[in-house]
Amino acid sequence: MKLKDLLLLLSAPIVLLLGVKAAKAQLLPPPPDSVTIPVPAPPMAQPQPGPVSNNKNDYILGVGDRLQIDIFNVPEYSGEQGRHQVSVDGALNLPLIGYIPVQGMTLEQVTDTLTEKYGEYLQRPLITLTLLSARPLQIAVAGEVKRPGAYTLAASATPNTTANMGMTEASLKPPTLTRVIQMAGGVTALADVRQVKIRRSQPGGQEQVLDINLWELLQSGDLQQDIPLRDGDTVYVPTVTELDRVEAPQLAAANFASSTRQPINVAVIGEVNRPGTHVLEAEAVPLAENGEEAGNGALPESTGVFTVTKAIKAAGGITAQANIREIEVRRVSRTGTEQVISVNLWALLQEGDVSQDVMLQSGDTIVIPTAKNAEANASEEVAIASFSPDNITVSVIGEVITPGQVNLPPNTALNQALLAAGGMNEGRADKEEVELIRLHPNGSISRQVIAVNFSEEVSEQNNPMLRHNDVIIVGRSGGAAFRDGLGSVLGAMNPLNGVFGVLRFLNIFD
């Protein structure tokens, strides 16, 4: 016997054995009353609507999720026939294996379950499970956010082309913590972003509480703090126990903070010229980076920061009686408690402490108390401060060309006020001195006689700076006073009797 014939004789049992195993690999004997599944050759792959891929270890299935189940070499249960949706009872109803609960399971867990179930009918089934479309997620947001409540949102998908299949897939991205906070209007000025909590339900009815520090995200860019959220999560932003004025502007600039483009309502009471409720509008700034107006038809972007000084400015500025060292900002938190923030605008003027210009939110109340010290605001810095009135009103009465009230810029000297009233009346005014009357915050009145010298520099004695509601009296000269007195006597007489009365008066000396 030749060597070639010997090799053929020995290989025949091996080929026969492989053929038997290949046949068994298709289907095991079906159970009673079942139908044998034919297994034809796999068809050519056809382009289908792209599935949404997802990390099988993260996504938790729930009612409404649409899935694609593909079983290798079993086209009857794959492709179009393999598309299923999780029913209202949280299960899948599949051929052969029937009712399979999947609520609360990951894609990987469901894949293992299906492999085990189909393994009772198929020899080593190879199952691929893909999330076609995710259900809308229900997430609750509470605490220090602008619009607390429940939100329904869908996961976003980023397109991704699969070259070998000619199909477009998408990478599923569950909504992150900051995205949900943005939907809730952003955090308020009282938010404690270091202790944000996420309550998450676990299988078996247990609850997991995750502590998140969003301040680390702002300071160091720690993206691990911006975790993806799941269906049923509850986000709670607590109230800060004490406002940090240095950190507040940084928090306000975050993309998950409340928008500064919308007007806010605040109340300003106490020593301001227009106490009451005021609407603070966002200022329009150009889009151009060089600070000039945006060109090419670009519209300006509304933005701005609402602070105590802007609110006082909207209320007409402080009065001369205002105590700018002990201003209060009263703010009600989401829990209903009131926080009182002390503001010292004197430190802002003297030391440049910008942290004193506290940022406001809608509903705040600013209280400007009355100063006890008569000279509390006797400072040029206060007169020209941004929160002082744009103008002061001074009354100039007596012998000037246009007596009455005069509107002057802050820090106007006495000589300028006299000139603003038209100057002194020639022949009638006492050009030697005038009298300055001032009402102080404690209710007292001071009177100061000041020698007039229009060439005098600004000084407290000879040419003082004026304050709101000051009164300047320009007296009459001696001759004008005599003439006015004589005229008043004659005017009280009958014209005829007046002449004879004067004559009789003169006859006394004859």
Protein backbone atom coordinates (compact mmCIF):
# COMPACT_ATOMS: atom_id res chain seq x y z
CA MET A 1 0.00 0.00 0.00
CA LYS A 2 1.26 3.37 -0.98
CA LEU A 3 1.92 6.12 1.61
CA LYS A 4 -0.73 8.41 0.04
CA ASP A 5 -3.45 5.77 0.37
CA LEU A 6 -2.44 5.12 3.94
CA LEU A 7 -2.84 8.81 4.88
CA LEU A 8 -6.29 8.98 3.29
CA LEU A 9 -7.38 5.92 5.21
CA LEU A 10 -6.22 7.37 8.51
CA SER A 11 -7.85 10.85 7.97
CA ALA A 12 -11.32 9.54 7.14
CA PRO A 13 -12.44 9.08 10.81
CA ILE A 14 -11.23 12.60 11.68
CA VAL A 15 -13.27 14.22 8.89
CA LEU A 16 -16.31 12.23 9.95
CA LEU A 17 -15.90 13.35 13.57
CA LEU A 18 -15.59 17.05 12.60
CA GLY A 19 -18.73 16.81 10.52
CA VAL A 20 -20.69 15.45 13.47
CA LYS A 21 -19.47 18.23 15.74
CA ALA A 22 -20.36 20.88 13.15
CA ALA A 23 -23.88 19.54 12.96
CA LYS A 24 -24.26 19.66 16.74
CA ALA A 25 -23.05 23.22 16.81
CA GLN A 26 -26.21 24.43 15.03
CA LEU A 27 -29.04 23.30 17.28
CA LEU A 28 -29.52 21.00 20.18
CA PRO A 29 -32.60 18.79 20.11
CA PRO A 30 -35.57 21.09 20.64
CA PRO A 31 -37.89 20.62 23.59
CA PRO A 32 -41.30 18.99 23.07
CA ASP A 33 -43.85 21.06 21.09
CA SER A 34 -41.11 23.30 19.70
CA VAL A 35 -40.21 24.02 16.12
CA THR A 36 -36.83 23.15 14.70
CA ILE A 37 -34.95 26.31 13.67
CA PRO A 38 -33.41 26.16 10.21
CA VAL A 39 -29.98 27.70 9.97
CA PRO A 40 -29.31 28.94 6.45
CA ALA A 41 -26.13 30.64 5.38
CA PRO A 42 -25.77 34.17 6.80
CA PRO A 43 -27.01 36.83 4.36
CA MET A 44 -24.98 39.80 3.18
CA ALA A 45 -24.85 42.60 5.76
CA GLN A 46 -27.26 45.42 4.89
CA PRO A 47 -26.90 49.01 6.21
CA GLN A 48 -29.28 49.61 9.10
CA PRO A 49 -30.02 52.66 11.24
CA GLY A 50 -27.06 53.11 13.52
CA PRO A 51 -27.29 51.77 17.05
CA VAL A 52 -26.27 53.77 20.08
CA SER A 53 -23.29 52.13 21.68
CA ASN A 54 -22.77 52.43 25.41
CA ASN A 55 -20.42 51.32 28.13
CA LYS A 56 -21.97 48.05 29.24
CA ASN A 57 -20.73 48.52 32.77
CA ASP A 58 -22.39 51.94 33.30
CA TYR A 59 -25.80 52.15 31.70
CA ILE A 60 -28.74 50.79 33.69
CA LEU A 61 -31.66 49.52 31.64
CA GLY A 62 -35.20 50.63 32.27
CA VAL A 63 -38.66 50.91 30.75
CA GLY A 64 -38.55 52.37 27.24
CA ASP A 65 -35.00 51.40 26.27
CA ARG A 66 -34.75 49.96 22.75
CA LEU A 67 -32.26 47.12 22.26
CA GLN A 68 -30.71 45.27 19.34
CA ILE A 69 -30.07 41.55 19.96
CA ASP A 70 -27.88 39.75 17.43
CA ILE A 71 -27.15 35.99 17.68
CA PHE A 72 -24.27 34.88 15.52
CA ASN A 73 -25.33 32.64 12.64
CA VAL A 74 -29.01 32.81 13.70
CA PRO A 75 -30.52 35.53 11.46
CA GLU A 76 -34.10 34.62 12.48
CA TYR A 77 -33.49 36.25 15.85
CA SER A 78 -31.12 38.97 14.65
CA GLY A 79 -31.34 42.12 12.52
CA GLU A 80 -34.84 43.53 12.25
CA GLN A 81 -36.21 40.55 14.20
CA GLY A 82 -33.75 41.26 17.01
CA ARG A 83 -35.06 44.71 17.88
CA HIS A 84 -36.94 44.86 21.17
CA GLN A 85 -38.11 47.45 23.69
CA VAL A 86 -38.19 47.06 27.45
CA SER A 87 -41.86 46.81 28.35
CA VAL A 88 -43.68 48.67 31.11
CA ASP A 89 -43.05 45.79 33.49
CA GLY A 90 -39.29 46.10 32.91
CA ALA A 91 -38.84 42.93 30.85
CA LEU A 92 -38.12 41.63 27.35
CA ASN A 93 -40.38 39.07 25.66
CA LEU A 94 -38.04 37.07 23.39
CA PRO A 95 -38.52 34.06 21.08
CA LEU A 96 -37.73 30.65 22.57
CA ILE A 97 -36.81 31.93 26.02
CA GLY A 98 -39.87 34.14 26.64
CA TYR A 99 -40.12 36.61 29.55
CA ILE A 100 -36.73 37.99 30.73
CA PRO A 101 -36.68 40.76 33.42
CA VAL A 102 -34.00 43.36 32.66
CA GLN A 103 -35.06 46.38 34.76
CA GLY A 104 -32.09 47.71 36.73
CA MET A 105 -29.51 45.55 34.92
CA THR A 106 -26.52 46.63 32.86
CA LEU A 107 -26.07 45.63 29.23
CA GLU A 108 -23.34 43.22 30.24
CA GLN A 109 -25.56 41.53 32.83
CA VAL A 110 -28.38 41.15 30.30
CA THR A 111 -25.94 39.72 27.74
CA ASP A 112 -24.82 37.08 30.25
CA THR A 113 -28.44 36.24 31.08
CA LEU A 114 -29.41 35.85 27.43
CA THR A 115 -26.34 33.72 26.74
CA GLU A 116 -27.35 31.41 29.56
CA LYS A 117 -31.01 31.20 28.49
CA TYR A 118 -30.32 30.66 24.81
CA GLY A 119 -27.64 28.16 25.76
CA GLU A 120 -30.45 25.75 26.60
CA TYR A 121 -31.35 25.68 22.89
CA LEU A 122 -28.23 26.76 20.98
CA GLN A 123 -24.74 25.35 21.11
CA ARG A 124 -22.49 28.10 22.51
CA PRO A 125 -24.56 31.07 21.32
CA LEU A 126 -22.63 34.26 20.57
CA ILE A 127 -24.91 37.16 21.53
CA THR A 128 -24.28 40.86 20.89
CA LEU A 129 -26.51 43.30 22.78
CA THR A 130 -26.59 46.95 21.70
CA LEU A 131 -28.60 49.90 23.01
CA LEU A 132 -30.42 51.40 20.01
CA SER A 133 -31.98 54.34 21.84
CA ALA A 134 -32.05 55.29 25.48
CA ARG A 135 -35.20 56.16 27.33
CA PRO A 136 -35.67 59.72 28.69
CA LEU A 137 -34.17 60.03 32.15
CA GLN A 138 -36.08 61.38 35.15
CA ILE A 139 -33.81 63.38 37.47
CA ALA A 140 -34.79 65.58 40.43
CA VAL A 141 -32.85 68.69 41.45
CA ALA A 142 -33.35 70.33 44.84
CA GLY A 143 -31.69 72.90 47.07
CA GLU A 144 -29.84 76.02 46.02
CA VAL A 145 -30.68 76.09 42.31
CA LYS A 146 -32.72 78.69 40.50
CA ARG A 147 -35.51 76.31 39.38
CA PRO A 148 -35.66 73.20 41.57
CA GLY A 149 -37.88 70.32 40.45
CA ALA A 150 -38.02 67.19 38.31
CA TYR A 151 -36.49 67.17 34.83
CA THR A 152 -36.86 64.79 31.90
CA LEU A 153 -33.89 64.67 29.56
CA ALA A 154 -32.30 62.32 27.09
CA ALA A 155 -28.72 61.22 26.76
CA SER A 156 -26.79 63.00 24.04
CA ALA A 157 -25.21 61.07 21.18
CA THR A 158 -22.02 61.90 19.33
CA PRO A 159 -21.95 60.53 15.72
CA ASN A 160 -19.18 58.06 14.95
CA THR A 161 -18.73 56.34 11.56
CA THR A 162 -17.98 52.61 11.51
CA ALA A 163 -15.86 52.06 8.40
CA ASN A 164 -16.07 48.30 8.00
CA MET A 165 -19.87 48.19 8.25
CA GLY A 166 -20.66 51.40 6.36
CA MET A 167 -22.99 52.41 9.21
CA THR A 168 -23.14 55.40 11.52
CA GLU A 169 -22.98 54.63 15.22
CA ALA A 170 -23.20 57.02 18.14
CA SER A 171 -21.51 57.08 21.50
CA LEU A 172 -24.09 57.46 24.23
CA LYS A 173 -23.27 60.15 26.80
CA PRO A 174 -25.52 60.23 29.86
CA PRO A 175 -26.21 63.76 31.16
CA THR A 176 -23.60 64.99 33.60
CA LEU A 177 -24.16 66.72 36.91
CA THR A 178 -23.31 70.20 35.62
CA ARG A 179 -25.59 69.78 32.61
CA VAL A 180 -28.54 68.95 34.84
CA ILE A 181 -27.75 71.89 37.15
CA GLN A 182 -27.69 74.15 34.10
CA MET A 183 -31.16 72.90 33.13
CA ALA A 184 -32.31 73.84 36.64
CA GLY A 185 -31.17 77.43 36.05
CA GLY A 186 -27.79 77.10 37.74
CA VAL A 187 -26.75 77.31 41.37
CA THR A 188 -27.63 80.35 43.46
CA ALA A 189 -25.22 82.62 45.32
CA LEU A 190 -25.88 80.62 48.52
CA ALA A 191 -24.96 77.25 47.01
CA ASP A 192 -22.40 75.11 48.82
CA VAL A 193 -20.81 73.51 45.76
CA ARG A 194 -18.30 71.62 47.94
CA GLN A 195 -20.97 69.34 49.39
CA VAL A 196 -23.30 68.50 46.51
CA LYS A 197 -25.03 65.17 47.08
CA ILE A 198 -26.46 62.65 44.62
CA ARG A 199 -28.92 60.07 45.91
CA ARG A 200 -29.06 56.97 43.74
CA SER A 201 -31.28 53.90 44.07
CA GLN A 202 -29.56 50.52 44.09
CA PRO A 203 -30.92 47.01 43.42
CA GLY A 204 -32.75 45.68 46.43
CA GLY A 205 -34.23 49.05 47.38
CA GLN A 206 -31.01 50.40 48.91
CA GLU A 207 -29.86 53.98 48.40
CA GLN A 208 -26.37 55.19 47.60
CA VAL A 209 -25.28 58.76 48.46
CA LEU A 210 -22.45 60.26 46.41
CA ASP A 211 -20.57 63.32 47.71
CA ILE A 212 -19.45 65.70 44.94
CA ASN A 213 -17.11 68.69 45.23
CA LEU A 214 -17.75 70.96 42.26
CA TRP A 215 -15.30 73.52 43.65
CA GLU A 216 -12.52 71.09 42.70
CA LEU A 217 -13.90 71.11 39.17
CA LEU A 218 -13.60 74.91 39.09
CA GLN A 219 -10.17 75.12 40.69
CA SER A 220 -8.29 72.15 39.27
CA GLY A 221 -10.48 70.96 36.39
CA ASP A 222 -11.23 67.64 38.09
CA LEU A 223 -13.72 66.13 35.62
CA GLN A 224 -14.31 63.17 37.92
CA GLN A 225 -16.52 65.48 39.95
CA ASP A 226 -18.81 66.02 36.95
CA ILE A 227 -20.16 62.48 37.04
CA PRO A 228 -22.78 61.06 34.64
CA LEU A 229 -26.24 60.78 36.15
CA ARG A 230 -28.66 57.87 36.00
CA ASP A 231 -32.38 57.57 35.75
CA GLY A 232 -33.99 58.29 39.13
CA ASP A 233 -31.04 60.22 40.57
CA THR A 234 -31.73 63.12 42.94
CA VAL A 235 -29.30 66.03 43.03
CA TYR A 236 -29.23 68.15 46.19
CA VAL A 237 -27.25 71.41 46.43
CA PRO A 238 -27.05 72.48 50.11
CA THR A 239 -26.99 76.02 51.48
CA VAL A 240 -23.62 77.46 52.46
CA THR A 241 -23.38 78.26 56.16
CA GLU A 242 -21.29 81.40 55.61
CA LEU A 243 -20.84 83.26 52.33
CA ASP A 244 -17.25 83.47 51.14
CA ARG A 245 -17.01 86.86 49.42
CA VAL A 246 -13.74 86.03 47.70
CA GLU A 247 -15.04 82.82 46.15
CA ALA A 248 -18.47 84.21 45.24
CA PRO A 249 -17.34 85.98 42.02
CA GLN A 250 -15.54 82.83 40.86
CA LEU A 251 -18.64 80.74 41.45
CA ALA A 252 -20.81 83.28 39.66
CA ALA A 253 -18.59 82.98 36.58
CA ALA A 254 -19.01 79.18 36.39
CA ASN A 255 -21.08 77.76 33.54
CA PHE A 256 -23.36 76.00 36.02
CA ALA A 257 -24.13 79.18 37.99
CA SER A 258 -27.33 81.19 37.60
CA SER A 259 -27.34 83.30 34.46
CA THR A 260 -26.44 86.97 34.89
CA ARG A 261 -28.22 87.93 31.68
CA GLN A 262 -31.69 87.95 33.16
CA PRO A 263 -32.95 90.99 35.13
CA ILE A 264 -33.32 90.57 38.88
CA ASN A 265 -35.61 92.27 41.41
CA VAL A 266 -34.09 93.65 44.59
CA ALA A 267 -35.36 95.93 47.35
CA VAL A 268 -33.30 98.88 48.58
CA ILE A 269 -34.52 100.57 51.75
CA GLY A 270 -33.17 103.13 54.18
CA GLU A 271 -30.95 106.08 53.33
CA VAL A 272 -31.24 106.16 49.54
CA ASN A 273 -32.95 108.77 47.41
CA ARG A 274 -35.46 106.33 45.86
CA PRO A 275 -36.14 103.51 48.32
CA GLY A 276 -38.24 100.59 47.11
CA THR A 277 -38.11 97.68 44.68
CA HIS A 278 -35.83 98.05 41.68
CA VAL A 279 -35.16 95.94 38.60
CA LEU A 280 -31.48 95.54 37.75
CA GLU A 281 -30.92 95.04 34.05
CA ALA A 282 -27.91 93.28 32.56
CA GLU A 283 -25.53 95.59 30.78
CA ALA A 284 -24.86 95.11 27.06
CA VAL A 285 -21.22 94.57 26.19
CA PRO A 286 -19.80 94.22 22.67
CA LEU A 287 -18.79 90.85 21.31
CA ALA A 288 -15.54 92.24 19.90
CA GLU A 289 -12.51 91.27 21.98
CA ASN A 290 -10.83 94.66 21.57
CA GLY A 291 -13.54 96.37 23.62
CA GLU A 292 -14.96 98.29 20.64
CA GLU A 293 -18.48 97.89 19.38
CA ALA A 294 -19.05 94.67 17.52
CA GLY A 295 -19.05 95.20 13.76
CA ASN A 296 -20.40 93.36 10.74
CA GLY A 297 -23.91 93.37 12.13
CA ALA A 298 -22.95 91.44 15.28
CA LEU A 299 -25.30 92.06 18.15
CA PRO A 300 -23.99 92.95 21.59
CA GLU A 301 -24.19 90.25 24.20
CA SER A 302 -26.05 90.97 27.44
CA THR A 303 -24.10 90.12 30.52
CA GLY A 304 -23.27 91.67 33.83
CA VAL A 305 -22.80 91.19 37.52
CA PHE A 306 -25.35 92.60 39.96
CA THR A 307 -23.73 94.02 43.09
CA VAL A 308 -24.68 96.16 46.09
CA THR A 309 -23.28 99.35 44.56
CA LYS A 310 -25.29 98.85 41.37
CA ALA A 311 -28.46 98.38 43.39
CA ILE A 312 -27.79 101.55 45.40
CA LYS A 313 -27.10 103.42 42.18
CA ALA A 314 -30.44 102.24 40.77
CA ALA A 315 -32.08 103.56 43.96
CA GLY A 316 -30.74 107.07 43.29
CA GLY A 317 -27.63 106.80 45.41
CA ILE A 318 -27.12 107.23 49.13
CA THR A 319 -28.29 110.25 51.10
CA ALA A 320 -26.05 112.43 53.26
CA GLN A 321 -27.38 110.54 56.28
CA ALA A 322 -26.35 107.07 55.04
CA ASN A 323 -24.10 104.85 57.13
CA ILE A 324 -22.11 103.06 54.46
CA ARG A 325 -20.07 101.13 57.08
CA GLU A 326 -22.98 98.98 58.30
CA ILE A 327 -25.01 98.09 55.22
CA GLU A 328 -26.86 94.76 55.31
CA VAL A 329 -27.88 92.38 52.54
CA ARG A 330 -30.73 90.13 53.63
CA ARG A 331 -31.18 86.95 51.63
CA VAL A 332 -33.65 84.08 52.03
CA SER A 333 -32.29 80.61 51.25
CA ARG A 334 -34.24 77.75 49.64
CA THR A 335 -34.82 76.30 53.09
CA GLY A 336 -36.60 79.49 54.18
CA THR A 337 -33.89 80.73 56.52
CA GLU A 338 -32.65 84.31 56.25
CA GLN A 339 -28.99 85.14 55.97
CA VAL A 340 -27.65 88.60 56.77
CA ILE A 341 -24.48 89.67 54.97
CA SER A 342 -22.64 92.70 56.37
CA VAL A 343 -21.23 95.16 53.86
CA ASN A 344 -18.72 97.94 54.58
CA LEU A 345 -18.50 100.21 51.55
CA TRP A 346 -16.12 102.49 53.46
CA ALA A 347 -13.55 99.67 53.25
CA LEU A 348 -14.23 99.47 49.51
CA LEU A 349 -13.43 103.17 49.11
CA GLN A 350 -10.46 103.36 51.46
CA GLU A 351 -8.80 99.96 51.00
CA GLY A 352 -10.10 98.80 47.65
CA ASP A 353 -11.73 95.74 49.22
CA VAL A 354 -13.90 94.66 46.28
CA SER A 355 -15.23 91.71 48.29
CA GLN A 356 -17.42 94.23 50.12
CA ASP A 357 -19.37 94.84 46.91
CA VAL A 358 -21.39 91.66 47.44
CA MET A 359 -23.01 90.03 44.44
CA LEU A 360 -26.79 89.99 44.54
CA GLN A 361 -29.49 87.58 43.47
CA SER A 362 -33.16 88.12 42.82
CA GLY A 363 -35.16 88.71 46.01
CA ASP A 364 -32.33 90.29 48.02
CA THR A 365 -33.02 93.26 50.29
CA ILE A 366 -30.34 95.92 50.85
CA VAL A 367 -30.69 97.97 54.04
CA ILE A 368 -28.85 101.33 54.29
CA PRO A 369 -28.97 102.51 57.94
CA THR A 370 -28.80 106.09 59.19
CA ALA A 371 -25.43 107.32 60.40
CA LYS A 372 -25.15 108.32 64.06
CA ASN A 373 -21.99 110.32 63.54
CA ALA A 374 -22.57 113.71 61.92
CA GLU A 375 -19.41 113.38 59.86
CA ALA A 376 -19.88 109.74 58.84
CA ASN A 377 -19.86 110.50 55.13
CA ALA A 378 -17.81 113.71 55.21
CA SER A 379 -15.33 112.53 52.63
CA GLU A 380 -14.55 113.41 49.04
CA GLU A 381 -14.31 109.68 48.28
CA VAL A 382 -17.93 109.18 49.35
CA ALA A 383 -19.15 112.17 47.36
CA ILE A 384 -17.73 110.89 44.10
CA ALA A 385 -18.29 107.16 44.74
CA SER A 386 -20.25 105.14 42.19
CA PHE A 387 -23.03 104.56 44.72
CA SER A 388 -23.46 108.29 45.47
CA PRO A 389 -25.98 110.40 43.53
CA ASP A 390 -24.89 111.71 40.15
CA ASN A 391 -25.85 115.20 41.30
CA ILE A 392 -26.39 117.07 44.53
CA THR A 393 -29.05 119.73 45.08
CA VAL A 394 -28.04 122.97 46.77
CA SER A 395 -30.32 125.93 47.52
CA VAL A 396 -28.88 129.40 46.87
CA ILE A 397 -31.18 132.13 48.16
CA GLY A 398 -30.92 135.85 48.60
CA GLU A 399 -29.16 138.35 46.41
CA VAL A 400 -28.14 136.25 43.40
CA ILE A 401 -29.29 136.54 39.82
CA THR A 402 -31.29 133.26 39.76
CA PRO A 403 -32.06 132.23 43.33
CA GLY A 404 -33.42 128.73 44.00
CA GLN A 405 -32.27 125.12 43.81
CA VAL A 406 -29.18 124.31 41.76
CA ASN A 407 -28.16 120.80 40.61
CA LEU A 408 -24.41 120.36 40.87
CA PRO A 409 -21.91 117.54 40.44
CA PRO A 410 -20.62 115.90 43.62
CA ASN A 411 -17.70 117.67 45.31
CA THR A 412 -18.72 121.11 44.08
CA ALA A 413 -17.22 124.00 46.04
CA LEU A 414 -19.20 126.97 47.42
CA ASN A 415 -17.82 129.49 44.91
CA GLN A 416 -18.95 127.28 42.01
CA ALA A 417 -22.46 127.12 43.45
CA LEU A 418 -22.64 130.93 43.61
CA LEU A 419 -21.58 131.17 39.98
CA ALA A 420 -24.09 128.47 39.00
CA ALA A 421 -26.83 130.68 40.49
CA GLY A 422 -25.83 133.49 38.13
CA GLY A 423 -23.46 135.23 40.49
CA MET A 424 -24.18 137.98 43.03
CA ASN A 425 -26.64 140.76 42.32
CA GLU A 426 -24.65 143.92 41.70
CA GLY A 427 -25.61 146.82 43.94
CA ARG A 428 -27.68 144.66 46.30
CA ALA A 429 -25.62 141.68 47.44
CA ASP A 430 -23.29 141.64 50.40
CA LYS A 431 -20.11 140.66 48.60
CA GLU A 432 -18.09 140.33 51.76
CA GLU A 433 -19.61 137.16 53.23
CA VAL A 434 -22.29 134.51 52.85
CA GLU A 435 -23.85 132.06 55.26
CA LEU A 436 -23.78 128.24 54.80
CA ILE A 437 -26.49 126.23 56.56
CA ARG A 438 -26.09 122.45 56.77
CA LEU A 439 -28.40 119.76 58.15
CA HIS A 440 -26.43 116.86 59.68
CA PRO A 441 -27.53 113.19 59.88
CA ASN A 442 -28.14 113.43 63.62
CA GLY A 443 -30.70 116.20 63.06
CA SER A 444 -28.51 119.10 64.16
CA ILE A 445 -28.02 122.24 62.07
CA SER A 446 -24.77 124.10 61.67
CA ARG A 447 -24.34 127.70 60.49
CA GLN A 448 -21.06 128.95 59.08
CA VAL A 449 -20.24 132.50 57.92
CA ILE A 450 -17.78 132.37 55.04
CA ALA A 451 -15.83 135.27 53.59
CA VAL A 452 -16.36 135.47 49.85
CA ASN A 453 -13.25 135.32 47.66
CA PHE A 454 -13.74 133.88 44.19
CA SER A 455 -9.98 133.41 43.76
CA GLU A 456 -9.79 131.25 46.88
CA GLU A 457 -8.75 127.60 46.52
CA VAL A 458 -10.93 124.85 47.93
CA SER A 459 -10.71 124.88 51.72
CA GLU A 460 -13.00 124.03 54.59
CA GLN A 461 -12.85 127.57 55.97
CA ASN A 462 -13.13 129.85 52.90
CA ASN A 463 -14.41 127.65 50.04
CA PRO A 464 -15.78 124.36 51.40
CA MET A 465 -17.10 121.42 49.41
CA LEU A 466 -20.87 121.33 49.43
CA ARG A 467 -23.17 118.47 50.31
CA HIS A 468 -26.63 117.50 49.24
CA ASN A 469 -29.33 119.85 50.59
CA ASP A 470 -26.89 122.55 51.72
CA VAL A 471 -28.33 126.10 51.83
CA ILE A 472 -26.32 129.20 50.89
CA ILE A 473 -27.72 132.58 51.95
CA VAL A 474 -26.44 135.69 50.18
CA GLY A 475 -27.39 138.72 52.26
CA ARG A 476 -28.10 142.28 51.21
CA SER A 477 -25.72 145.14 51.46
CA GLY A 478 -26.43 147.91 53.99
CA GLY A 479 -27.70 150.40 51.39
CA ALA A 480 -30.00 147.85 49.80
CA ALA A 481 -31.43 146.93 53.16
CA PHE A 482 -32.20 150.60 53.95
CA ARG A 483 -33.83 151.22 50.59
CA ASP A 484 -35.91 148.07 50.86
CA GLY A 485 -37.02 149.07 54.36
CA LEU A 486 -38.02 152.56 53.31
CA GLY A 487 -39.86 151.26 50.27
CA SER A 488 -41.87 148.85 52.36
CA VAL A 489 -43.00 151.68 54.66
CA LEU A 490 -44.04 153.90 51.76
CA GLY A 491 -45.77 151.06 50.02
CA ALA A 492 -48.00 150.53 53.02
CA MET A 493 -49.37 154.12 52.78
CA ASN A 494 -51.96 155.64 50.50
CA PRO A 495 -50.05 157.34 47.68
CA LEU A 496 -51.46 160.82 48.53
CA ASN A 497 -51.24 160.40 52.25
CA GLY A 498 -47.77 159.09 51.73
CA VAL A 499 -46.58 162.35 50.22
CA PHE A 500 -48.14 164.47 52.96
CA GLY A 501 -46.92 162.08 55.58
CA VAL A 502 -43.36 162.49 54.41
CA LEU A 503 -43.74 166.25 54.36
CA ARG A 504 -45.14 166.26 57.87
CA PHE A 505 -42.30 164.07 58.92
CA LEU A 506 -39.80 166.54 57.49
CA ASN A 507 -41.64 169.56 59.10
CA ILE A 508 -40.84 168.17 62.52
CA PHE A 509 -37.25 169.27 62.03
CA ASP A 510 -38.19 172.83 61.01
